[in-house]
Amino acid sequence: MADPTAHPPAAGRGRKLPVLFIHDAAIDDFIATMLLVAMPNVDLKGIVIADADCVPQPGIDAANRLQQFIGRPDIPLALSESRGW
């Protein structure tokens, strides 16, 4: 018999896993953004673009356009001041 006091996993039934997605604005990251939005058990809380191997302003512009395209302009989008070396 299952323990009724046991806590379900964070992404258990009816609960969504909160995700903050940090990426460097490469094409695979934009595809991952679409996948995260489509996953029913994920709550995408925000997106941060790190200035690693991208040009920051075009990267944030592309991320913003993608969010408009997928109908999720409500997801917070930020550009990190950190640098990936």
C-alpha atoms as a PDB file:
ATOM      1  CA  MET A   1       0.000   0.000   0.000  1.00  0.00           C
ATOM      2  CA  ALA A   2       1.300   3.455  -0.909  1.00  0.00           C
ATOM      3  CA  ASP A   3       2.254   5.873   1.843  1.00  0.00           C
ATOM      4  CA  PRO A   4      -0.438   8.628   1.870  1.00  0.00           C
ATOM      5  CA  THR A   5       1.996  11.078   3.492  1.00  0.00           C
ATOM      6  CA  ALA A   6       4.623  10.691   0.757  1.00  0.00           C
ATOM      7  CA  HIS A   7       5.170  13.789  -1.363  1.00  0.00           C
ATOM      8  CA  PRO A   8       4.808  13.437  -5.144  1.00  0.00           C
ATOM      9  CA  PRO A   9       7.772  14.445  -7.323  1.00  0.00           C
ATOM     10  CA  ALA A  10       8.015  18.106  -8.351  1.00  0.00           C
ATOM     11  CA  ALA A  11       6.640  17.376 -11.815  1.00  0.00           C
ATOM     12  CA  GLY A  12       4.102  14.839 -10.602  1.00  0.00           C
ATOM     13  CA  ARG A  13       0.454  14.619 -11.520  1.00  0.00           C
ATOM     14  CA  GLY A  14      -1.069  18.056 -11.914  1.00  0.00           C
ATOM     15  CA  ARG A  15       2.143  19.854 -11.027  1.00  0.00           C
ATOM     16  CA  LYS A  16       4.434  21.600 -13.448  1.00  0.00           C
ATOM     17  CA  LEU A  17       8.202  21.776 -13.176  1.00  0.00           C
ATOM     18  CA  PRO A  18       9.307  25.444 -13.036  1.00  0.00           C
ATOM     19  CA  VAL A  19      12.123  26.111 -15.521  1.00  0.00           C
ATOM     20  CA  LEU A  20      14.430  29.085 -16.053  1.00  0.00           C
ATOM     21  CA  PHE A  21      16.061  28.524 -19.441  1.00  0.00           C
ATOM     22  CA  ILE A  22      19.532  30.047 -19.843  1.00  0.00           C
ATOM     23  CA  HIS A  23      21.018  29.810 -23.324  1.00  0.00           C
ATOM     24  CA  ASP A  24      23.375  31.474 -25.795  1.00  0.00           C
ATOM     25  CA  ALA A  25      20.931  32.207 -28.646  1.00  0.00           C
ATOM     26  CA  ALA A  26      22.009  29.391 -30.948  1.00  0.00           C
ATOM     27  CA  ILE A  27      19.439  27.781 -33.240  1.00  0.00           C
ATOM     28  CA  ASP A  28      19.185  24.660 -31.060  1.00  0.00           C
ATOM     29  CA  ASP A  29      18.232  26.871 -28.108  1.00  0.00           C
ATOM     30  CA  PHE A  30      15.328  28.382 -30.024  1.00  0.00           C
ATOM     31  CA  ILE A  31      14.082  24.902 -30.887  1.00  0.00           C
ATOM     32  CA  ALA A  32      14.462  23.922 -27.222  1.00  0.00           C
ATOM     33  CA  THR A  33      12.387  26.985 -26.280  1.00  0.00           C
ATOM     34  CA  MET A  34       9.549  25.770 -28.506  1.00  0.00           C
ATOM     35  CA  LEU A  35       9.781  22.289 -26.996  1.00  0.00           C
ATOM     36  CA  LEU A  36       9.713  23.638 -23.436  1.00  0.00           C
ATOM     37  CA  VAL A  37       6.613  25.719 -24.205  1.00  0.00           C
ATOM     38  CA  ALA A  38       4.902  22.668 -25.732  1.00  0.00           C
ATOM     39  CA  MET A  39       5.625  20.342 -22.787  1.00  0.00           C
ATOM     40  CA  PRO A  40       2.524  20.029 -20.586  1.00  0.00           C
ATOM     41  CA  ASN A  41       4.544  19.277 -17.431  1.00  0.00           C
ATOM     42  CA  VAL A  42       6.867  22.326 -17.743  1.00  0.00           C
ATOM     43  CA  ASP A  43       6.192  25.879 -16.544  1.00  0.00           C
ATOM     44  CA  LEU A  44       8.693  28.087 -18.389  1.00  0.00           C
ATOM     45  CA  LYS A  45       9.247  30.924 -15.902  1.00  0.00           C
ATOM     46  CA  GLY A  46      11.758  32.898 -17.926  1.00  0.00           C
ATOM     47  CA  ILE A  47      14.474  32.932 -20.552  1.00  0.00           C
ATOM     48  CA  VAL A  48      17.949  34.397 -20.091  1.00  0.00           C
ATOM     49  CA  ILE A  49      20.368  34.841 -22.958  1.00  0.00           C
ATOM     50  CA  ALA A  50      24.019  34.661 -21.931  1.00  0.00           C
ATOM     51  CA  ASP A  51      26.583  36.473 -24.054  1.00  0.00           C
ATOM     52  CA  ALA A  52      28.618  33.344 -24.735  1.00  0.00           C
ATOM     53  CA  ASP A  53      29.085  32.667 -28.427  1.00  0.00           C
ATOM     54  CA  CYS A  54      26.399  34.933 -29.830  1.00  0.00           C
ATOM     55  CA  VAL A  55      25.967  38.557 -30.751  1.00  0.00           C
ATOM     56  CA  PRO A  56      23.766  39.727 -27.853  1.00  0.00           C
ATOM     57  CA  GLN A  57      21.345  42.186 -29.436  1.00  0.00           C
ATOM     58  CA  PRO A  58      20.403  40.070 -32.481  1.00  0.00           C
ATOM     59  CA  GLY A  59      20.063  37.093 -30.113  1.00  0.00           C
ATOM     60  CA  ILE A  60      17.585  38.885 -27.853  1.00  0.00           C
ATOM     61  CA  ASP A  61      15.735  40.213 -30.911  1.00  0.00           C
ATOM     62  CA  ALA A  62      15.400  36.699 -32.347  1.00  0.00           C
ATOM     63  CA  ALA A  63      14.221  35.321 -28.992  1.00  0.00           C
ATOM     64  CA  ASN A  64      11.630  38.089 -28.757  1.00  0.00           C
ATOM     65  CA  ARG A  65      10.387  37.399 -32.301  1.00  0.00           C
ATOM     66  CA  LEU A  66      10.159  33.678 -31.526  1.00  0.00           C
ATOM     67  CA  GLN A  67       8.077  34.366 -28.417  1.00  0.00           C
ATOM     68  CA  GLN A  68       5.740  36.548 -30.478  1.00  0.00           C
ATOM     69  CA  PHE A  69       5.485  33.822 -33.129  1.00  0.00           C
ATOM     70  CA  ILE A  70       4.601  31.047 -30.655  1.00  0.00           C
ATOM     71  CA  GLY A  71       2.122  33.301 -28.865  1.00  0.00           C
ATOM     72  CA  ARG A  72       4.019  33.528 -25.568  1.00  0.00           C
ATOM     73  CA  PRO A  73       5.216  37.130 -25.225  1.00  0.00           C
ATOM     74  CA  ASP A  74       4.330  36.848 -21.510  1.00  0.00           C
ATOM     75  CA  ILE A  75       7.458  34.802 -20.705  1.00  0.00           C
ATOM     76  CA  PRO A  76      10.079  37.153 -19.208  1.00  0.00           C
ATOM     77  CA  LEU A  77      13.140  37.540 -21.435  1.00  0.00           C
ATOM     78  CA  ALA A  78      16.466  38.953 -20.255  1.00  0.00           C
ATOM     79  CA  LEU A  79      20.014  39.472 -21.474  1.00  0.00           C
ATOM     80  CA  SER A  80      22.646  38.447 -18.952  1.00  0.00           C
ATOM     81  CA  GLU A  81      25.604  40.706 -18.257  1.00  0.00           C
ATOM     82  CA  SER A  82      27.804  37.663 -17.695  1.00  0.00           C
ATOM     83  CA  ARG A  83      30.192  36.468 -20.394  1.00  0.00           C
ATOM     84  CA  GLY A  84      30.848  32.890 -21.391  1.00  0.00           C
ATOM     85  CA  TRP A  85      34.471  32.327 -22.291  1.00  0.00           C
END
